Amino acid sequence: MLWVVGVIAGALILLGLLLEAVRWLVIIGAVALVVVVVLGVVKAWQLMHHSAGRR
């Protein structure tokens, strides 16, 4: 009976760590997405600005 409780506790701890890892992955992915979007907008703005300046 005691080992069953131990196994369940271990499984819950592993599940908690897994969910925590997934949450951090989602946060990291969201931050990376924002960075990519900002860089894309800046590059596009620079290209538009340079092409307008040359005319």
PDB file of N, CA and C in Angstrom:
ATOM      1  N   MET A   1       0.838  -1.204   0.000  1.00  0.00           N
ATOM      2  CA  MET A   1       0.000   0.000   0.000  1.00  0.00           C
ATOM      3  C   MET A   1       0.877   1.260   0.000  1.00  0.00           C
ATOM      4  N   LEU A   2       1.943   1.237   0.785  1.00  0.00           N
ATOM      5  CA  LEU A   2       2.808   2.402   0.909  1.00  0.00           C
ATOM      6  C   LEU A   2       3.520   2.704  -0.403  1.00  0.00           C
ATOM      7  N   TRP A   3       3.962   1.661  -1.127  1.00  0.00           N
ATOM      8  CA  TRP A   3       4.666   1.879  -2.398  1.00  0.00           C
ATOM      9  C   TRP A   3       3.729   2.437  -3.462  1.00  0.00           C
ATOM     10  N   VAL A   4       2.433   2.092  -3.365  1.00  0.00           N
ATOM     11  CA  VAL A   4       1.455   2.639  -4.309  1.00  0.00           C
ATOM     12  C   VAL A   4       1.358   4.153  -4.125  1.00  0.00           C
ATOM     13  N   VAL A   5       1.301   4.596  -2.872  1.00  0.00           N
ATOM     14  CA  VAL A   5       1.247   6.029  -2.568  1.00  0.00           C
ATOM     15  C   VAL A   5       2.525   6.707  -3.065  1.00  0.00           C
ATOM     16  N   GLY A   6       3.666   6.037  -2.881  1.00  0.00           N
ATOM     17  CA  GLY A   6       4.948   6.573  -3.341  1.00  0.00           C
ATOM     18  C   GLY A   6       4.982   6.719  -4.850  1.00  0.00           C
ATOM     19  N   VAL A   7       4.483   5.707  -5.559  1.00  0.00           N
ATOM     20  CA  VAL A   7       4.455   5.748  -7.029  1.00  0.00           C
ATOM     21  C   VAL A   7       3.546   6.880  -7.508  1.00  0.00           C
ATOM     22  N   ILE A   8       2.366   7.012  -6.880  1.00  0.00           N
ATOM     23  CA  ILE A   8       1.420   8.076  -7.257  1.00  0.00           C
ATOM     24  C   ILE A   8       2.048   9.449  -6.991  1.00  0.00           C
ATOM     25  N   ALA A   9       2.708   9.596  -5.840  1.00  0.00           N
ATOM     26  CA  ALA A   9       3.352  10.868  -5.505  1.00  0.00           C
ATOM     27  C   ALA A   9       4.444  11.188  -6.532  1.00  0.00           C
ATOM     28  N   GLY A  10       5.241  10.184  -6.897  1.00  0.00           N
ATOM     29  CA  GLY A  10       6.293  10.375  -7.894  1.00  0.00           C
ATOM     30  C   GLY A  10       5.717  10.774  -9.237  1.00  0.00           C
ATOM     31  N   ALA A  11       4.628  10.134  -9.633  1.00  0.00           N
ATOM     32  CA  ALA A  11       3.982  10.438 -10.904  1.00  0.00           C
ATOM     33  C   ALA A  11       3.453  11.876 -10.906  1.00  0.00           C
ATOM     34  N   LEU A  12       2.860  12.289  -9.786  1.00  0.00           N
ATOM     35  CA  LEU A  12       2.342  13.660  -9.684  1.00  0.00           C
ATOM     36  C   LEU A  12       3.472  14.683  -9.760  1.00  0.00           C
ATOM     37  N   ILE A  13       4.598  14.379  -9.099  1.00  0.00           N
ATOM     38  CA  ILE A  13       5.748  15.286  -9.131  1.00  0.00           C
ATOM     39  C   ILE A  13       6.281  15.393 -10.558  1.00  0.00           C
ATOM     40  N   LEU A  14       6.408  14.243 -11.252  1.00  0.00           N
ATOM     41  CA  LEU A  14       6.887  14.249 -12.641  1.00  0.00           C
ATOM     42  C   LEU A  14       5.931  15.023 -13.534  1.00  0.00           C
ATOM     43  N   LEU A  15       4.623  14.824 -13.328  1.00  0.00           N
ATOM     44  CA  LEU A  15       3.610  15.529 -14.119  1.00  0.00           C
ATOM     45  C   LEU A  15       3.713  17.034 -13.883  1.00  0.00           C
ATOM     46  N   GLY A  16       3.907  17.423 -12.622  1.00  0.00           N
ATOM     47  CA  GLY A  16       4.054  18.838 -12.284  1.00  0.00           C
ATOM     48  C   GLY A  16       5.273  19.448 -12.957  1.00  0.00           C
ATOM     49  N   LEU A  17       6.399  18.710 -12.944  1.00  0.00           N
ATOM     50  CA  LEU A  17       7.619  19.199 -13.595  1.00  0.00           C
ATOM     51  C   LEU A  17       7.409  19.319 -15.093  1.00  0.00           C
ATOM     52  N   LEU A  18       6.705  18.340 -15.678  1.00  0.00           N
ATOM     53  CA  LEU A  18       6.435  18.342 -17.112  1.00  0.00           C
ATOM     54  C   LEU A  18       5.569  19.545 -17.483  1.00  0.00           C
ATOM     55  N   LEU A  19       4.519  19.783 -16.706  1.00  0.00           N
ATOM     56  CA  LEU A  19       3.631  20.923 -16.972  1.00  0.00           C
ATOM     57  C   LEU A  19       4.387  22.230 -16.807  1.00  0.00           C
ATOM     58  N   GLU A  20       5.264  22.293 -15.808  1.00  0.00           N
ATOM     59  CA  GLU A  20       6.081  23.495 -15.584  1.00  0.00           C
ATOM     60  C   GLU A  20       6.994  23.729 -16.784  1.00  0.00           C
ATOM     61  N   ALA A  21       7.607  22.641 -17.276  1.00  0.00           N
ATOM     62  CA  ALA A  21       8.500  22.733 -18.439  1.00  0.00           C
ATOM     63  C   ALA A  21       7.712  23.200 -19.660  1.00  0.00           C
ATOM     64  N   VAL A  22       6.507  22.657 -19.845  1.00  0.00           N
ATOM     65  CA  VAL A  22       5.673  23.048 -20.991  1.00  0.00           C
ATOM     66  C   VAL A  22       5.314  24.526 -20.887  1.00  0.00           C
ATOM     67  N   ARG A  23       4.991  24.967 -19.671  1.00  0.00           N
ATOM     68  CA  ARG A  23       4.629  26.375 -19.475  1.00  0.00           C
ATOM     69  C   ARG A  23       5.814  27.274 -19.832  1.00  0.00           C
ATOM     70  N   TRP A  24       7.021  26.886 -19.408  1.00  0.00           N
ATOM     71  CA  TRP A  24       8.205  27.685 -19.726  1.00  0.00           C
ATOM     72  C   TRP A  24       8.472  27.673 -21.221  1.00  0.00           C
ATOM     73  N   LEU A  25       8.245  26.508 -21.872  1.00  0.00           N
ATOM     74  CA  LEU A  25       8.442  26.424 -23.321  1.00  0.00           C
ATOM     75  C   LEU A  25       7.471  27.361 -24.038  1.00  0.00           C
ATOM     76  N   VAL A  26       6.233  27.414 -23.557  1.00  0.00           N
ATOM     77  CA  VAL A  26       5.229  28.302 -24.161  1.00  0.00           C
ATOM     78  C   VAL A  26       5.663  29.758 -23.986  1.00  0.00           C
ATOM     79  N   ILE A  27       6.149  30.108 -22.790  1.00  0.00           N
ATOM     80  CA  ILE A  27       6.598  31.480 -22.527  1.00  0.00           C
ATOM     81  C   ILE A  27       7.781  31.835 -23.423  1.00  0.00           C
ATOM     82  N   ILE A  28       8.758  30.912 -23.514  1.00  0.00           N
ATOM     83  CA  ILE A  28       9.947  31.147 -24.353  1.00  0.00           C
ATOM     84  C   ILE A  28       9.535  31.282 -25.820  1.00  0.00           C
ATOM     85  N   GLY A  29       8.606  30.423 -26.265  1.00  0.00           N
ATOM     86  CA  GLY A  29       8.124  30.478 -27.643  1.00  0.00           C
ATOM     87  C   GLY A  29       7.427  31.794 -27.938  1.00  0.00           C
ATOM     88  N   ALA A  30       6.619  32.270 -26.993  1.00  0.00           N
ATOM     89  CA  ALA A  30       5.903  33.540 -27.175  1.00  0.00           C
ATOM     90  C   ALA A  30       6.882  34.704 -27.257  1.00  0.00           C
ATOM     91  N   VAL A  31       7.897  34.696 -26.391  1.00  0.00           N
ATOM     92  CA  VAL A  31       8.910  35.760 -26.404  1.00  0.00           C
ATOM     93  C   VAL A  31       9.663  35.749 -27.728  1.00  0.00           C
ATOM     94  N   ALA A  32      10.033  34.537 -28.192  1.00  0.00           N
ATOM     95  CA  ALA A  32      10.765  34.409 -29.458  1.00  0.00           C
ATOM     96  C   ALA A  32       9.907  34.932 -30.616  1.00  0.00           C
ATOM     97  N   LEU A  33       8.615  34.618 -30.585  1.00  0.00           N
ATOM     98  CA  LEU A  33       7.703  35.071 -31.637  1.00  0.00           C
ATOM     99  C   LEU A  33       7.630  36.598 -31.667  1.00  0.00           C
ATOM    100  N   VAL A  34       7.521  37.211 -30.497  1.00  0.00           N
ATOM    101  CA  VAL A  34       7.467  38.681 -30.404  1.00  0.00           C
ATOM    102  C   VAL A  34       8.754  39.290 -30.955  1.00  0.00           C
ATOM    103  N   VAL A  35       9.904  38.692 -30.599  1.00  0.00           N
ATOM    104  CA  VAL A  35      11.199  39.196 -31.079  1.00  0.00           C
ATOM    105  C   VAL A  35      11.269  39.121 -32.597  1.00  0.00           C
ATOM    106  N   VAL A  36      10.823  37.996 -33.173  1.00  0.00           N
ATOM    107  CA  VAL A  36      10.846  37.813 -34.628  1.00  0.00           C
ATOM    108  C   VAL A  36       9.951  38.853 -35.309  1.00  0.00           C
ATOM    109  N   VAL A  37       8.761  39.079 -34.779  1.00  0.00           N
ATOM    110  CA  VAL A  37       7.837  40.051 -35.347  1.00  0.00           C
ATOM    111  C   VAL A  37       8.446  41.461 -35.291  1.00  0.00           C
ATOM    112  N   VAL A  38       9.013  41.833 -34.137  1.00  0.00           N
ATOM    113  CA  VAL A  38       9.620  43.162 -33.979  1.00  0.00           C
ATOM    114  C   VAL A  38      10.776  43.333 -34.958  1.00  0.00           C
ATOM    115  N   LEU A  39      11.652  42.309 -35.067  1.00  0.00           N
ATOM    116  CA  LEU A  39      12.780  42.388 -35.997  1.00  0.00           C
ATOM    117  C   LEU A  39      12.280  42.517 -37.438  1.00  0.00           C
ATOM    118  N   GLY A  40      11.231  41.766 -37.782  1.00  0.00           N
ATOM    119  CA  GLY A  40      10.667  41.837 -39.125  1.00  0.00           C
ATOM    120  C   GLY A  40      10.138  43.228 -39.440  1.00  0.00           C
ATOM    121  N   VAL A  41       9.432  43.824 -38.498  1.00  0.00           N
ATOM    122  CA  VAL A  41       8.874  45.168 -38.685  1.00  0.00           C
ATOM    123  C   VAL A  41      10.009  46.185 -38.827  1.00  0.00           C
ATOM    124  N   VAL A  42      11.032  46.074 -37.991  1.00  0.00           N
ATOM    125  CA  VAL A  42      12.164  47.005 -38.051  1.00  0.00           C
ATOM    126  C   VAL A  42      12.878  46.889 -39.401  1.00  0.00           C
ATOM    127  N   LYS A  43      13.123  45.634 -39.862  1.00  0.00           N
ATOM    128  CA  LYS A  43      13.793  45.425 -41.153  1.00  0.00           C
ATOM    129  C   LYS A  43      12.950  46.013 -42.290  1.00  0.00           C
ATOM    130  N   ALA A  44      11.637  45.752 -42.275  1.00  0.00           N
ATOM    131  CA  ALA A  44      10.744  46.266 -43.318  1.00  0.00           C
ATOM    132  C   ALA A  44      10.748  47.795 -43.298  1.00  0.00           C
ATOM    133  N   TRP A  45      10.710  48.381 -42.103  1.00  0.00           N
ATOM    134  CA  TRP A  45      10.708  49.843 -41.977  1.00  0.00           C
ATOM    135  C   TRP A  45      12.019  50.421 -42.515  1.00  0.00           C
ATOM    136  N   GLN A  46      13.147  49.756 -42.199  1.00  0.00           N
ATOM    137  CA  GLN A  46      14.447  50.209 -42.690  1.00  0.00           C
ATOM    138  C   GLN A  46      14.499  50.148 -44.207  1.00  0.00           C
ATOM    139  N   LEU A  47      13.987  49.050 -44.796  1.00  0.00           N
ATOM    140  CA  LEU A  47      13.988  48.903 -46.255  1.00  0.00           C
ATOM    141  C   LEU A  47      13.140  49.999 -46.905  1.00  0.00           C
ATOM    142  N   MET A  48      11.937  50.230 -46.352  1.00  0.00           N
ATOM    143  CA  MET A  48      11.059  51.264 -46.884  1.00  0.00           C
ATOM    144  C   MET A  48      11.708  52.640 -46.737  1.00  0.00           C
ATOM    145  N   HIS A  49      12.326  52.884 -45.597  1.00  0.00           N
ATOM    146  CA  HIS A  49      12.970  54.174 -45.315  1.00  0.00           C
ATOM    147  C   HIS A  49      14.144  54.415 -46.277  1.00  0.00           C
ATOM    148  N   HIS A  50      14.948  53.379 -46.489  1.00  0.00           N
ATOM    149  CA  HIS A  50      16.119  53.512 -47.381  1.00  0.00           C
ATOM    150  C   HIS A  50      15.679  53.726 -48.818  1.00  0.00           C
ATOM    151  N   SER A  51      14.676  52.967 -49.273  1.00  0.00           N
ATOM    152  CA  SER A  51      14.223  53.103 -50.653  1.00  0.00           C
ATOM    153  C   SER A  51      13.585  54.485 -50.883  1.00  0.00           C
ATOM    154  N   ALA A  52      12.896  55.009 -49.877  1.00  0.00           N
ATOM    155  CA  ALA A  52      12.282  56.331 -49.981  1.00  0.00           C
ATOM    156  C   ALA A  52      13.379  57.411 -49.977  1.00  0.00           C
ATOM    157  N   GLY A  53      14.454  57.180 -49.217  1.00  0.00           N
ATOM    158  CA  GLY A  53      15.526  58.158 -49.126  1.00  0.00           C
ATOM    159  C   GLY A  53      16.334  58.257 -50.407  1.00  0.00           C
ATOM    160  N   ARG A  54      16.432  57.161 -51.152  1.00  0.00           N
ATOM    161  CA  ARG A  54      17.218  57.149 -52.379  1.00  0.00           C
ATOM    162  C   ARG A  54      16.555  57.919 -53.514  1.00  0.00           C
ATOM    163  N   ARG A  55      15.210  57.989 -53.501  1.00  0.00           N
ATOM    164  CA  ARG A  55      14.489  58.633 -54.619  1.00  0.00           C
ATOM    165  C   ARG A  55      14.733  60.106 -54.616  1.00  0.00           C
TER     166      ARG A  55
END
